[in-house]
Protein backbone atom coordinates (compact mmCIF):
# COMPACT_ATOMS: atom_id res chain seq x y z
CA MET A 1 -27.05 -47.42 -4.58
CA ARG A 2 -25.68 -50.35 -6.27
CA ILE A 3 -21.96 -51.32 -5.88
CA GLY A 4 -21.63 -50.85 -9.62
CA ASN A 5 -23.00 -47.67 -9.87
CA LEU A 6 -21.11 -46.23 -6.67
CA ILE A 7 -18.12 -47.17 -8.36
CA ILE A 8 -18.35 -45.65 -11.55
CA ALA A 9 -19.87 -42.41 -9.52
CA VAL A 10 -16.26 -42.47 -7.37
CA LEU A 11 -14.81 -42.33 -11.04
CA LEU A 12 -16.72 -39.54 -12.52
CA LEU A 13 -16.13 -37.78 -9.35
CA SER A 14 -12.09 -38.04 -9.60
CA ILE A 15 -11.90 -37.47 -13.30
CA SER A 16 -14.11 -33.94 -12.79
CA ALA A 17 -11.59 -33.14 -9.78
CA VAL A 18 -8.48 -33.22 -12.44
CA ALA A 19 -10.17 -32.01 -15.26
CA GLN A 20 -8.17 -29.61 -17.05
CA PRO A 21 -9.54 -26.08 -17.11
CA THR A 22 -10.20 -24.75 -20.45
CA LEU A 23 -9.71 -20.94 -19.59
CA ARG A 24 -6.99 -19.37 -21.55
CA TRP A 25 -4.99 -16.56 -20.39
CA VAL A 26 -2.22 -14.31 -20.44
CA CYS A 27 0.28 -11.71 -18.95
CA TYR A 28 1.46 -9.19 -21.25
CA TYR A 29 2.73 -6.10 -20.32
CA SER A 30 3.51 -3.90 -23.68
CA ASN A 31 1.25 -2.22 -25.85
CA LYS A 32 3.04 -3.77 -29.48
CA ALA A 33 1.29 -7.00 -29.71
CA PRO A 34 -1.54 -6.65 -32.24
CA ILE A 35 -5.25 -6.78 -31.40
CA PRO A 36 -5.74 -10.59 -33.38
CA ALA A 37 -2.49 -11.82 -31.28
CA PHE A 38 -5.06 -12.21 -28.27
CA ASP A 39 -7.58 -14.34 -30.16
CA ALA A 40 -6.64 -17.22 -28.39
CA PHE A 41 -7.24 -16.00 -24.81
CA ASP A 42 -10.38 -15.57 -22.93
CA LEU A 43 -8.52 -13.46 -19.92
CA LEU A 44 -5.69 -10.55 -20.26
CA ILE A 45 -3.65 -9.30 -17.50
CA LEU A 46 -2.10 -6.41 -18.80
CA ASP A 47 -0.60 -3.35 -17.63
CA SER A 48 -2.85 -0.78 -16.55
CA GLU A 49 -1.08 2.23 -17.93
CA THR A 50 0.74 0.70 -21.22
CA HIS A 51 -1.38 -1.91 -22.97
CA PRO A 52 -3.28 -2.56 -26.56
CA GLU A 53 -6.44 -0.58 -27.11
CA LEU A 54 -8.96 -1.85 -24.61
CA LEU A 55 -11.89 -1.46 -26.67
CA ALA A 56 -10.91 -3.43 -29.38
CA LEU A 57 -10.33 -6.08 -27.02
CA SER A 58 -13.08 -5.85 -24.82
CA SER A 59 -15.47 -6.22 -28.22
CA ARG A 60 -13.69 -9.87 -28.83
CA GLY A 61 -14.90 -10.86 -25.53
CA LYS A 62 -11.76 -10.50 -23.47
CA LYS A 63 -11.87 -10.41 -20.18
CA LEU A 64 -9.48 -7.52 -19.20
CA ILE A 65 -7.34 -7.26 -15.76
CA GLY A 66 -5.28 -4.15 -14.80
CA TYR A 67 -2.36 -4.34 -12.87
CA LEU A 68 -1.67 -3.20 -9.68
CA SER A 69 1.39 -3.31 -7.42
CA VAL A 70 0.16 -3.13 -3.71
CA GLY A 71 3.27 -3.92 -1.77
CA GLU A 72 5.62 -1.72 -3.88
CA ALA A 73 5.74 1.70 -5.64
CA GLU A 74 7.36 2.10 -9.25
CA SER A 75 9.73 5.01 -10.00
CA HIS A 76 7.60 5.35 -13.72
CA ARG A 77 4.27 5.65 -12.44
CA ALA A 78 2.57 9.02 -12.05
CA TYR A 79 1.71 8.87 -8.53
CA PHE A 80 5.40 7.70 -7.22
CA GLY A 81 6.15 11.24 -6.24
CA SER A 82 3.15 11.89 -4.14
CA VAL A 83 3.52 8.25 -2.33
CA LYS A 84 7.14 9.29 -1.56
CA ALA A 85 6.60 12.59 -0.25
CA GLU A 86 4.44 10.98 1.94
CA GLY A 87 7.42 9.08 3.66
CA ILE A 88 5.98 5.84 3.11
CA LEU A 89 8.44 4.30 0.59
CA LEU A 90 10.86 1.67 2.22
CA GLN A 91 14.16 0.10 1.00
CA GLU A 92 14.18 -0.51 -3.02
CA ASN A 93 13.75 -4.04 -4.14
CA PRO A 94 17.26 -5.10 -5.18
CA HIS A 95 15.45 -7.68 -8.44
CA TRP A 96 13.84 -4.51 -9.68
CA LYS A 97 15.73 -1.50 -9.90
CA GLY A 98 13.07 1.73 -9.71
CA SER A 99 10.44 -0.34 -7.54
CA PHE A 100 10.32 0.42 -3.91
CA PHE A 101 8.56 -1.35 -1.02
CA VAL A 102 5.73 0.16 0.48
CA ASP A 103 4.95 0.20 4.21
CA VAL A 104 1.14 -1.43 3.51
CA ARG A 105 0.43 -0.52 7.16
CA ASP A 106 0.30 3.06 6.46
CA PRO A 107 -3.36 4.08 6.28
CA ARG A 108 -2.54 6.61 3.89
CA TRP A 109 -1.55 3.74 1.22
CA THR A 110 -4.89 1.98 1.36
CA LYS A 111 -6.64 5.28 0.75
CA ARG A 112 -4.73 5.80 -2.35
CA ILE A 113 -5.33 2.53 -3.64
CA ILE A 114 -9.27 2.97 -2.78
CA GLU A 115 -9.58 6.03 -4.07
CA GLN A 116 -7.46 6.61 -7.21
CA LEU A 117 -5.59 3.88 -8.24
CA ILE A 118 -8.47 1.15 -8.59
CA PRO A 119 -10.63 3.99 -10.04
CA ASP A 120 -8.45 4.86 -12.14
CA ILE A 121 -8.00 1.01 -13.80
CA LEU A 122 -11.89 0.61 -14.27
CA ARG A 123 -12.28 4.02 -15.62
CA ARG A 124 -9.45 2.98 -18.41
CA GLY A 125 -11.96 0.08 -19.65
CA PHE A 126 -10.61 -3.16 -17.07
CA SER A 127 -13.11 -5.19 -15.19
CA GLY A 128 -11.00 -5.79 -12.60
CA VAL A 129 -7.49 -5.71 -11.00
CA PHE A 130 -4.42 -7.83 -10.90
CA LEU A 131 -2.67 -7.34 -7.43
CA ASP A 132 1.01 -7.76 -7.60
CA THR A 133 3.92 -8.03 -4.65
CA VAL A 134 1.28 -9.36 -2.27
CA ASP A 135 4.39 -11.45 -0.67
CA ASN A 136 6.67 -8.19 -0.08
CA ALA A 137 4.43 -8.30 3.39
CA PRO A 138 5.38 -11.28 5.03
CA TYR A 139 8.53 -11.51 3.78
CA LEU A 140 9.72 -8.58 5.01
CA GLU A 141 8.12 -9.19 8.61
CA SER A 142 9.51 -12.78 8.13
CA SER A 143 12.87 -10.65 7.86
CA ASP A 144 12.70 -8.58 10.53
CA PRO A 145 9.80 -9.20 13.07
CA VAL A 146 10.46 -6.03 14.86
CA ARG A 147 10.83 -3.27 12.31
CA TYR A 148 8.02 -4.73 10.39
CA LYS A 149 5.24 -6.49 12.87
CA GLY A 150 1.91 -6.54 10.85
CA MET A 151 2.98 -6.61 7.77
CA ALA A 152 1.20 -9.52 7.01
CA ALA A 153 -2.17 -8.84 7.92
CA SER A 154 -2.13 -5.42 6.84
CA MET A 155 -1.55 -6.94 3.64
CA SER A 156 -5.16 -9.34 4.06
CA ASN A 157 -6.48 -6.43 5.45
CA LEU A 158 -6.01 -4.15 2.07
CA ILE A 159 -7.19 -6.87 0.20
CA LYS A 160 -10.50 -7.56 2.23
CA THR A 161 -10.62 -3.46 2.27
CA ILE A 162 -10.71 -3.60 -1.62
CA ARG A 163 -13.11 -6.16 -1.76
CA ARG A 164 -15.59 -4.35 0.65
CA HIS A 165 -15.40 -1.24 -1.63
CA PHE A 166 -15.76 -2.98 -5.15
CA PRO A 167 -18.19 -5.77 -4.41
CA HIS A 168 -18.28 -6.85 -8.43
CA ILE A 169 -15.09 -6.64 -10.03
CA GLU A 170 -12.43 -9.06 -10.40
CA ILE A 171 -9.76 -9.64 -7.98
CA ILE A 172 -6.42 -11.77 -9.09
CA VAL A 173 -3.93 -12.24 -6.24
CA ASN A 174 -0.42 -12.73 -7.31
CA ARG A 175 1.03 -15.53 -4.88
CA GLY A 176 0.01 -14.36 -1.00
CA PHE A 177 0.89 -17.40 -0.05
CA GLU A 178 1.08 -16.68 3.60
CA ILE A 179 -1.97 -15.15 3.64
CA LEU A 180 -3.98 -17.14 1.23
CA PRO A 181 -6.19 -18.82 4.29
CA GLN A 182 -7.23 -15.54 4.96
CA VAL A 183 -8.06 -13.82 1.96
CA SER A 184 -9.50 -16.75 -0.17
CA SER A 185 -12.87 -16.31 0.18
CA ASP A 186 -12.44 -12.35 -0.75
CA ILE A 187 -10.87 -13.25 -4.50
CA ASN A 188 -12.15 -14.50 -7.58
CA MET A 189 -8.44 -15.60 -8.59
CA VAL A 190 -5.43 -16.85 -7.38
CA LEU A 191 -1.93 -16.65 -9.60
CA GLY A 192 0.67 -18.88 -8.70
CA GLU A 193 3.98 -17.37 -10.41
CA SER A 194 7.08 -19.19 -10.43
CA VAL A 195 5.49 -22.53 -8.99
CA PHE A 196 6.90 -25.22 -11.29
CA ALA A 197 10.11 -22.97 -13.16
CA ASP A 198 11.13 -19.45 -12.61
CA TYR A 199 14.09 -17.24 -13.63
CA ASP A 200 17.13 -17.50 -11.45
CA PHE A 201 18.25 -13.85 -11.19
CA ALA A 202 22.34 -15.08 -9.96
CA ALA A 203 22.47 -17.66 -12.56
CA LYS A 204 20.61 -15.36 -15.27
CA LYS A 205 18.65 -18.53 -16.26
CA TYR A 206 15.41 -20.23 -16.10
CA ARG A 207 15.66 -23.36 -13.72
CA LEU A 208 12.75 -25.51 -12.40
CA VAL A 209 11.62 -25.00 -9.06
CA PRO A 210 13.38 -27.65 -6.23
CA LYS A 211 10.51 -30.59 -6.31
CA ALA A 212 9.92 -30.25 -2.57
CA GLU A 213 9.17 -26.63 -3.02
CA TYR A 214 6.90 -27.12 -6.13
CA GLN A 215 5.20 -29.62 -4.02
CA ALA A 216 4.36 -27.19 -0.95
CA TYR A 217 3.07 -24.42 -3.64
CA VAL A 218 0.82 -26.72 -5.33
CA ARG A 219 -0.31 -27.94 -1.97
CA THR A 220 -1.22 -24.43 -0.74
CA LEU A 221 -2.86 -24.00 -4.30
CA LYS A 222 -5.33 -26.42 -3.90
CA ASP A 223 -5.96 -25.71 -0.45
CA ALA A 224 -7.01 -22.31 -1.05
CA ARG A 225 -9.19 -23.66 -3.36
CA LYS A 226 -10.61 -26.17 -1.05
CA GLN A 227 -11.33 -22.98 1.48
CA ASN A 228 -13.26 -21.70 -1.66
CA PRO A 229 -14.31 -23.96 -4.32
CA ARG A 230 -15.55 -21.52 -6.79
CA LEU A 231 -11.46 -20.21 -6.81
CA THR A 232 -9.69 -19.93 -10.09
CA VAL A 233 -5.93 -21.11 -9.96
CA LEU A 234 -4.09 -19.58 -12.54
CA THR A 235 0.06 -20.16 -12.64
CA LEU A 236 2.50 -18.20 -14.52
CA ASP A 237 6.10 -19.89 -15.09
CA TYR A 238 8.81 -18.54 -16.31
CA TRP A 239 10.84 -20.91 -19.61
CA ASP A 240 12.48 -19.91 -22.64
CA PRO A 241 10.42 -19.97 -25.40
CA ALA A 242 12.80 -21.60 -28.06
CA ASP A 243 12.42 -24.81 -25.89
CA LYS A 244 9.22 -25.58 -26.71
CA LYS A 245 9.23 -29.01 -25.34
CA GLY A 246 10.17 -27.64 -21.81
CA VAL A 247 7.02 -25.26 -22.28
CA ALA A 248 4.73 -27.75 -23.12
CA ARG A 249 6.09 -30.30 -20.49
CA ILE A 250 5.11 -26.85 -17.69
CA TYR A 251 1.78 -26.68 -19.74
CA ARG A 252 1.32 -30.45 -18.83
CA GLU A 253 2.61 -30.47 -15.60
CA GLN A 254 0.15 -27.76 -14.50
CA ARG A 255 -2.80 -28.57 -16.15
CA ALA A 256 -2.42 -31.89 -14.50
CA ASN A 257 -2.95 -30.29 -11.22
CA GLY A 258 -6.19 -29.00 -12.05
CA PHE A 259 -4.69 -25.13 -12.65
CA ALA A 260 -4.69 -22.91 -15.98
CA PRO A 261 -1.47 -22.30 -16.78
CA TYR A 262 0.37 -19.72 -18.92
CA VAL A 263 4.65 -19.75 -19.68
CA ALA A 264 5.85 -16.82 -20.50
CA THR A 265 9.55 -14.88 -20.83
CA LEU A 266 10.71 -13.10 -17.30
CA ALA A 267 9.77 -9.62 -19.10
CA LEU A 268 5.91 -10.23 -19.99
CA ASP A 269 6.68 -8.04 -23.07
CA GLN A 270 6.27 -10.64 -25.73
CA ILE A 271 2.99 -13.38 -26.02
CA VAL A 272 4.26 -17.04 -26.05
CA PRO A 273 1.97 -18.58 -27.76
CA GLU A 274 1.50 -22.74 -26.32
CA PRO A 275 3.18 -25.21 -28.52
CA LYS A 276 1.33 -27.63 -30.12
CA PHE A 277 2.48 -31.65 -30.19
C-alpha cells in the first residue's frame, strides 16, 4: 500500500473509532407520558410494572427493555414479601427508602430471577432486561470482606446464568464496573450511570463527577468494548433540565467518547428532550 493510501486508511479508522452513535434511547419509570413522546427514541428502558402501553410502543418499532433490580428488593414489588420471608434481605439502602440489599449468594434469589422475575417481564411484552443495582454486590464485599465474601463473584455468576437461560434476549447491565471484565461477553449493552454528572444526595443538587473519577469510568467502559467489540455503551447522566447548555454539554462529551448518551432528572419520571442548538 502506498504511503498516501495508508495515511487515508488510518484516518478513516480513527474517524470510525470516535464516530458518534446514532442510537437514541430513554430511561423512564412512569406511565404518564403519551405514546408520541417516545417517537424520538429507538430504545426504551421502562419500569417493568408501571409503564406506558407496550403494544403501542412496539408497533412503532421501539425496542422495549424491562427494569429488574438484581442487587436489591423493593418493598413495592409484589414478590417482596416472599423474598423477605426467605431471610435473604440485608440492610435498607440508605439512599432509597424501602429498597433492601439482597444476599445474591443465596441460590433462592437466582432461582426466583430465572424462573419468575424475568419470565414475567418477557410475558408483558419486553424483549430484554435492564439489570440494575449490580454494583451493590462488590460494594458490600469491599465494605466488609469477611461478612460479604463472594458477593461480587456471585453477581457475575448470576448474570452469566441469566444469559445461559435466556440466550436470545437483550441484557443491559447498569455499571457493574468491578465485574465487567467477567461479564462483558454475556451482555449486549452496558449503561454507565453517573459517569460525567450525577446527583449529590448530601448537598441535594446535581454536580459534575470529579475529573479523575470520570476519566477512570471512561477507560473502564472503553476497555469493556475492547473485550466485546459488539458491546453498546450507553450513558445516563443527571442534570437540571432547565440548564439546557449544561445538558447539551453532557451529550457532546459522551458522544465524543463514542457512547450513546441520555441526560435525565434523578427520579427518571419525565422525558427530558435533548436540547437543540
